[in-house]
C-alpha atoms as a PDB file:
ATOM      1  CA  MET A   1      26.719 -17.751  -0.945  1.00  0.00           C
ATOM      2  CA  HIS A   2      27.048 -15.725  -4.138  1.00  0.00           C
ATOM      3  CA  ASP A   3      29.773 -16.228  -6.731  1.00  0.00           C
ATOM      4  CA  HIS A   4      32.033 -13.236  -7.413  1.00  0.00           C
ATOM      5  CA  ASP A   5      34.708 -12.901 -10.029  1.00  0.00           C
ATOM      6  CA  GLU A   6      38.257 -12.211  -8.881  1.00  0.00           C
ATOM      7  CA  ARG A   7      37.922  -8.430  -9.260  1.00  0.00           C
ATOM      8  CA  GLY A   8      34.584  -8.258  -7.476  1.00  0.00           C
ATOM      9  CA  GLU A   9      33.040  -6.738 -10.635  1.00  0.00           C
ATOM     10  CA  GLU A  10      30.133  -9.163 -11.041  1.00  0.00           C
ATOM     11  CA  ILE A  11      27.234  -9.785  -8.735  1.00  0.00           C
ATOM     12  CA  ARG A  12      24.754 -12.628  -8.929  1.00  0.00           C
ATOM     13  CA  ASN A  13      21.114 -11.867  -9.514  1.00  0.00           C
ATOM     14  CA  ALA A  14      19.310 -13.860  -6.818  1.00  0.00           C
ATOM     15  CA  GLY A  15      16.197 -14.231  -8.997  1.00  0.00           C
ATOM     16  CA  ASP A  16      17.626 -15.838 -12.129  1.00  0.00           C
ATOM     17  CA  GLY A  17      21.314 -16.440 -11.561  1.00  0.00           C
ATOM     18  CA  GLY A  18      22.295 -13.835 -14.183  1.00  0.00           C
ATOM     19  CA  THR A  19      24.953 -11.232 -13.596  1.00  0.00           C
ATOM     20  CA  ALA A  20      24.787  -7.467 -13.479  1.00  0.00           C
ATOM     21  CA  GLY A  21      28.259  -7.318 -15.024  1.00  0.00           C
ATOM     22  CA  LEU A  22      30.406  -4.256 -14.482  1.00  0.00           C
ATOM     23  CA  VAL A  23      28.230  -2.123 -12.194  1.00  0.00           C
ATOM     24  CA  ALA A  24      30.570   0.828 -11.536  1.00  0.00           C
ATOM     25  CA  PRO A  25      29.505   2.816 -14.637  1.00  0.00           C
ATOM     26  CA  ALA A  26      25.830   2.446 -13.675  1.00  0.00           C
ATOM     27  CA  LEU A  27      26.553   3.530 -10.103  1.00  0.00           C
ATOM     28  CA  TYR A  28      28.465   6.616 -11.227  1.00  0.00           C
ATOM     29  CA  ARG A  29      25.687   7.559 -13.693  1.00  0.00           C
ATOM     30  CA  LYS A  30      23.014   7.201 -11.019  1.00  0.00           C
ATOM     31  CA  SER A  31      24.900   8.391  -7.929  1.00  0.00           C
ATOM     32  CA  GLY A  32      21.591   9.794  -6.609  1.00  0.00           C
ATOM     33  CA  ASP A  33      20.771   6.155  -5.785  1.00  0.00           C
ATOM     34  CA  LEU A  34      23.386   6.396  -3.037  1.00  0.00           C
ATOM     35  CA  ASN A  35      23.531   8.377   0.206  1.00  0.00           C
ATOM     36  CA  ASP A  36      26.711  10.450  -0.004  1.00  0.00           C
ATOM     37  CA  ILE A  37      28.469  10.213   3.354  1.00  0.00           C
ATOM     38  CA  THR A  38      30.508  13.362   3.897  1.00  0.00           C
ATOM     39  CA  LEU A  39      31.583  13.143   7.545  1.00  0.00           C
ATOM     40  CA  GLY A  40      33.977  10.693   9.152  1.00  0.00           C
ATOM     41  CA  ASN A  41      37.468   9.296   8.790  1.00  0.00           C
ATOM     42  CA  ASN A  42      39.422   6.061   8.839  1.00  0.00           C
ATOM     43  CA  ASN A  43      43.189   5.580   9.119  1.00  0.00           C
ATOM     44  CA  GLY A  44      44.014   9.118   8.014  1.00  0.00           C
ATOM     45  CA  PHE A  45      41.446   9.373   5.210  1.00  0.00           C
ATOM     46  CA  GLU A  46      38.549  11.823   5.447  1.00  0.00           C
ATOM     47  CA  ALA A  47      35.047  11.388   4.037  1.00  0.00           C
ATOM     48  CA  GLY A  48      33.894  14.160   1.723  1.00  0.00           C
ATOM     49  CA  PRO A  49      31.494  14.931  -1.118  1.00  0.00           C
ATOM     50  CA  GLY A  50      31.487  12.394  -3.961  1.00  0.00           C
ATOM     51  CA  TRP A  51      33.759   9.352  -3.977  1.00  0.00           C
ATOM     52  CA  ASP A  52      36.290   9.070  -1.168  1.00  0.00           C
ATOM     53  CA  PRO A  53      38.443   6.222   0.191  1.00  0.00           C
ATOM     54  CA  VAL A  54      36.452   6.064   3.439  1.00  0.00           C
ATOM     55  CA  THR A  55      32.922   5.496   2.119  1.00  0.00           C
ATOM     56  CA  GLY A  56      33.353   5.062  -1.635  1.00  0.00           C
ATOM     57  CA  LEU A  57      30.260   6.426  -3.368  1.00  0.00           C
ATOM     58  CA  GLY A  58      28.185   6.078  -0.189  1.00  0.00           C
ATOM     59  CA  SER A  59      25.516   3.740   1.118  1.00  0.00           C
ATOM     60  CA  PRO A  60      22.818   2.370  -1.207  1.00  0.00           C
ATOM     61  CA  LYS A  61      19.199   3.530  -1.191  1.00  0.00           C
ATOM     62  CA  GLY A  62      17.509   0.091  -1.284  1.00  0.00           C
ATOM     63  CA  ASP A  63      14.845   0.167  -4.011  1.00  0.00           C
ATOM     64  CA  ALA A  64      16.666   2.761  -6.122  1.00  0.00           C
ATOM     65  CA  ILE A  65      19.933   0.821  -6.247  1.00  0.00           C
ATOM     66  CA  ALA A  66      18.082  -2.444  -6.927  1.00  0.00           C
ATOM     67  CA  ALA A  67      16.387  -0.833  -9.944  1.00  0.00           C
ATOM     68  CA  THR A  68      19.693   0.558 -11.229  1.00  0.00           C
ATOM     69  CA  LEU A  69      21.430  -2.811 -10.952  1.00  0.00           C
ATOM     70  CA  SER A  70      18.459  -4.518 -12.573  1.00  0.00           C
ATOM     71  CA  GLU A  71      18.683  -2.091 -15.514  1.00  0.00           C
ATOM     72  CA  ALA A  72      22.433  -2.728 -15.750  1.00  0.00           C
ATOM     73  CA  SER A  73      21.897  -6.506 -15.947  1.00  0.00           C
ATOM     74  CA  VAL A  74      19.428  -6.072 -18.812  1.00  0.00           C
ATOM     75  CA  ARG A  75      21.981  -4.050 -20.802  1.00  0.00           C
ATOM     76  CA  SER A  76      24.904  -6.440 -20.336  1.00  0.00           C
END
């Protein structure tokens, strides 16, 4: 099991135990690393282009998101 801080802002790097730190800025800068989900709904909220309360920024593209988070951990 991975350790998370109370806000869910840190993730553990499985390779060395380091943290990626605050990943949101990296995800917003590299949103092309995510599949934007634009159709669907949940409890009255609709999915749409960009961030939305149903899908957030979207689903990760495996290798691309791993590289982005790796870069973020080097900077923090």
